[in-house]
Structures are given as structure tokens and as C-alpha cells.
Amino acid sequence: MSEEIKSLEELEAVAEGVAPVAEVEVARDPVRDDLGRSYATGKRKDAVARVWIKPGSGKVSVNGRAMNVYFARPVLQMILRQPFSVAGVEDQFDVQATVKGGGLSGQAGAVKHGISKALQLYDPSLRSALKAAGFLTRDSRVVERKKFGKRKARRSFQFSKR
């Protein structure tokens, strides 16, 4: 393109040879280690989860314990199964996760985030479904800090007339 364009017709001819930007799609490669696993880190509130997924029978292990033992509440177990149902790969991957920090709800959200990121690394074709469901975005809501002169973050001390 070192030539100089002198007329509008030459500019149109050059523009016809260029592919539109919207049609170009980035081809992503799967990211797997030597054991055929994909790794991702998930975060939610103060919890951080390290997640490895590999093809298997759908067994989920959190901190060395089964999912239904570590997360006893059915709501938390449902949160962990959401990425698989959205991607349409139920009972096809084994998950091993280690999670630290926060409470059980934040830990379940962190593992869900990690599973979603690991799934899209293992199989890039699942990315669009997971992205549309909002599972690849880190939920940045955290507890507001306590301010001085307040009882909590925003709650004032009780007023006393006498």
C-alpha cells in the first residue's frame, strides 16, 4: 500500500479488496496441561477458587470432599451445576477445586466462576453460551468498608435525646 491514491475510484477499488472487520473471527485454541486438564481461577466476594477440569463422569471434588458434603445446601450445589447445564455438557467433566476465603455462598460463586473459565479454555466453542449467561464475568460486588463515626458502613449510632 505504498502507492498513492489519487482518485475516489482508486480508493473504492482498494476498499473492495479489504475484508470487513466484523467478519473476522478470532480462532481460539484449547488450553490444556500434560494431563489433559484445564485450569482456571474463580473469584467471588473474598473467596478464591482454583479449579481443574478434565473429561470424566461428572464427579465434583471441593477441598478433597465431594460437592454434596462440602456444599450441603441444594442451592449451592445448583450454583455449581449451572455452567455445565448452560454449556450442555452435564456429567462429561470431573472437577477438582480448592477454595479459600469467604463464606460458603461466596465460595460456591467462586467455584462456579472457575468452572466457567476452565470450560471455555478446554473447549473454546462453549465460550459464547457461557458469556451470554454472564458466567465469565467476575461479580465485583464486595462488602463495603466500615466508616469512622458510623456503627457499620452506613448505619449511624442510635440517637439519644438524654
Protein backbone atom coordinates (compact mmCIF):
# COMPACT_ATOMS: atom_id res chain seq x y z
CA MET A 1 0.00 0.00 0.00
CA SER A 2 2.92 2.32 -0.58
CA GLU A 3 1.18 3.64 -3.72
CA GLU A 4 -0.55 6.97 -3.57
CA ILE A 5 -4.30 7.01 -4.18
CA LYS A 6 -5.22 9.88 -6.49
CA SER A 7 -8.94 9.47 -7.13
CA LEU A 8 -12.12 8.30 -5.45
CA GLU A 9 -12.40 5.35 -7.86
CA GLU A 10 -8.96 4.10 -6.83
CA LEU A 11 -9.96 4.42 -3.15
CA GLU A 12 -13.13 2.35 -3.75
CA ALA A 13 -11.11 -0.30 -5.59
CA VAL A 14 -8.67 -0.57 -2.71
CA ALA A 15 -11.52 -0.68 -0.16
CA GLU A 16 -13.23 -3.57 -2.02
CA GLY A 17 -10.13 -5.72 -1.60
CA VAL A 18 -10.11 -5.28 2.19
CA ALA A 19 -12.21 -7.67 4.32
CA PRO A 20 -14.69 -6.03 6.69
CA VAL A 21 -13.61 -6.06 10.32
CA ALA A 22 -16.88 -7.62 11.58
CA GLU A 23 -16.41 -10.81 9.54
CA VAL A 24 -13.01 -11.64 11.02
CA GLU A 25 -13.38 -14.14 13.87
CA VAL A 26 -10.60 -14.95 16.31
CA ALA A 27 -9.85 -18.67 16.36
CA ARG A 28 -9.06 -19.74 19.92
CA ASP A 29 -7.00 -22.82 20.74
CA PRO A 30 -7.83 -25.13 23.66
CA VAL A 31 -5.58 -24.65 26.70
CA ARG A 32 -4.75 -27.96 28.41
CA ASP A 33 -1.86 -29.28 30.51
CA ASP A 34 0.06 -32.57 30.09
CA LEU A 35 -2.67 -34.50 31.96
CA GLY A 36 -5.45 -33.19 29.67
CA ARG A 37 -6.83 -30.77 32.26
CA SER A 38 -7.76 -27.11 32.02
CA TYR A 39 -7.09 -24.77 34.94
CA ALA A 40 -8.77 -21.51 35.91
CA THR A 41 -9.11 -19.26 38.94
CA GLY A 42 -12.55 -18.11 40.03
CA LYS A 43 -13.32 -15.26 42.44
CA ARG A 44 -16.40 -14.03 44.30
CA LYS A 45 -16.50 -11.68 47.31
CA ASP A 46 -13.47 -12.72 49.41
CA ALA A 47 -13.35 -16.31 48.12
CA VAL A 48 -10.76 -17.56 45.62
CA ALA A 49 -11.14 -20.95 43.92
CA ARG A 50 -8.54 -22.87 41.93
CA VAL A 51 -10.36 -25.20 39.52
CA TRP A 52 -9.11 -28.06 37.32
CA ILE A 53 -11.47 -29.84 34.90
CA LYS A 54 -10.87 -32.98 32.84
CA PRO A 55 -13.12 -35.34 30.88
CA GLY A 56 -14.88 -37.79 33.18
CA SER A 57 -18.17 -38.86 34.72
CA GLY A 58 -19.26 -35.60 36.40
CA LYS A 59 -17.59 -36.07 39.80
CA VAL A 60 -17.03 -32.75 41.63
CA SER A 61 -14.49 -32.57 44.47
CA VAL A 62 -14.06 -29.40 46.58
CA ASN A 63 -11.13 -29.26 49.02
CA GLY A 64 -10.83 -33.05 48.86
CA ARG A 65 -14.51 -33.66 49.70
CA ALA A 66 -17.50 -34.44 47.50
CA MET A 67 -19.58 -31.49 46.37
CA ASN A 68 -22.69 -32.62 48.29
CA VAL A 69 -20.63 -32.94 51.50
CA TYR A 70 -18.79 -29.59 51.24
CA PHE A 71 -21.80 -27.64 49.91
CA ALA A 72 -24.66 -29.28 51.84
CA ARG A 73 -27.34 -26.78 50.78
CA PRO A 74 -29.07 -27.73 47.49
CA VAL A 75 -28.97 -24.09 46.31
CA LEU A 76 -25.17 -24.07 46.44
CA GLN A 77 -24.99 -27.39 44.57
CA MET A 78 -27.31 -25.94 41.90
CA ILE A 79 -24.96 -22.93 41.54
CA LEU A 80 -22.05 -25.29 40.84
CA ARG A 81 -24.01 -27.23 38.19
CA GLN A 82 -25.16 -24.12 36.27
CA PRO A 83 -22.13 -23.77 33.92
CA PHE A 84 -22.45 -27.40 32.80
CA SER A 85 -26.18 -27.13 32.07
CA VAL A 86 -25.77 -23.84 30.16
CA ALA A 87 -22.93 -25.31 28.09
CA GLY A 88 -24.84 -28.60 27.60
CA VAL A 89 -22.07 -30.83 28.97
CA GLU A 90 -23.65 -32.34 32.11
CA ASP A 91 -21.75 -35.35 33.55
CA GLN A 92 -18.94 -35.07 30.99
CA PHE A 93 -16.25 -33.41 33.15
CA ASP A 94 -14.67 -34.18 36.52
CA VAL A 95 -13.90 -31.11 38.63
CA GLN A 96 -11.27 -30.76 41.33
CA ALA A 97 -11.35 -27.43 43.17
CA THR A 98 -9.58 -25.88 46.12
CA VAL A 99 -11.22 -22.82 47.62
CA LYS A 100 -10.12 -20.39 50.34
CA GLY A 101 -11.63 -17.35 51.99
CA GLY A 102 -15.13 -16.00 52.39
CA GLY A 103 -18.24 -17.94 53.33
CA LEU A 104 -19.98 -20.86 51.66
CA SER A 105 -22.06 -18.67 49.31
CA GLY A 106 -19.00 -16.76 48.09
CA GLN A 107 -17.04 -19.98 47.74
CA ALA A 108 -19.80 -21.55 45.62
CA GLY A 109 -19.80 -18.47 43.38
CA ALA A 110 -16.00 -18.62 43.09
CA VAL A 111 -16.06 -22.29 42.08
CA LYS A 112 -18.82 -21.55 39.53
CA HIS A 113 -16.71 -18.74 38.04
CA GLY A 114 -13.65 -21.01 37.92
CA ILE A 115 -15.58 -23.87 36.28
CA SER A 116 -16.93 -21.49 33.63
CA LYS A 117 -13.48 -20.12 32.82
CA ALA A 118 -11.94 -23.61 32.72
CA LEU A 119 -14.71 -24.92 30.43
CA GLN A 120 -14.16 -22.17 27.89
CA LEU A 121 -10.41 -22.83 27.99
CA TYR A 122 -10.94 -26.58 27.50
CA ASP A 123 -13.43 -26.14 24.65
CA PRO A 124 -13.47 -22.61 23.12
CA SER A 125 -16.76 -23.36 21.30
CA LEU A 126 -18.55 -23.21 24.70
CA ARG A 127 -17.45 -19.60 25.25
CA SER A 128 -20.44 -17.95 23.55
CA ALA A 129 -23.02 -19.79 25.69
CA LEU A 130 -21.12 -19.13 28.93
CA LYS A 131 -20.54 -15.48 28.03
CA ALA A 132 -24.21 -14.95 27.17
CA ALA A 133 -25.21 -16.37 30.56
CA GLY A 134 -22.77 -13.97 32.27
CA PHE A 135 -20.68 -16.71 33.89
CA LEU A 136 -17.30 -15.46 32.62
CA THR A 137 -17.66 -12.04 34.24
CA ARG A 138 -16.32 -11.72 37.78
CA ASP A 139 -19.02 -10.44 40.14
CA SER A 140 -17.17 -7.46 41.63
CA ARG A 141 -19.62 -6.75 44.47
CA VAL A 142 -17.84 -6.87 47.84
CA VAL A 143 -18.71 -5.81 51.36
CA GLU A 144 -18.46 -2.05 51.87
CA ARG A 145 -15.88 -0.97 54.43
CA LYS A 146 -16.84 0.46 57.81
CA LYS A 147 -16.53 4.26 58.08
CA PHE A 148 -15.38 6.07 61.21
CA GLY A 149 -18.17 7.81 63.12
CA LYS A 150 -20.61 5.09 61.98
CA ARG A 151 -21.67 1.85 63.62
CA LYS A 152 -21.35 -0.10 60.34
CA ALA A 153 -20.64 1.01 56.78
CA ARG A 154 -23.64 3.38 56.67
CA ARG A 155 -25.62 2.72 59.87
CA SER A 156 -25.36 5.54 62.40
CA PHE A 157 -25.18 5.12 66.16
CA GLN A 158 -28.54 5.22 67.94
CA PHE A 159 -29.66 8.75 68.77
CA SER A 160 -30.18 9.51 72.45
CA LYS A 161 -32.01 12.67 73.44
CA ARG A 162 -30.84 12.37 77.07
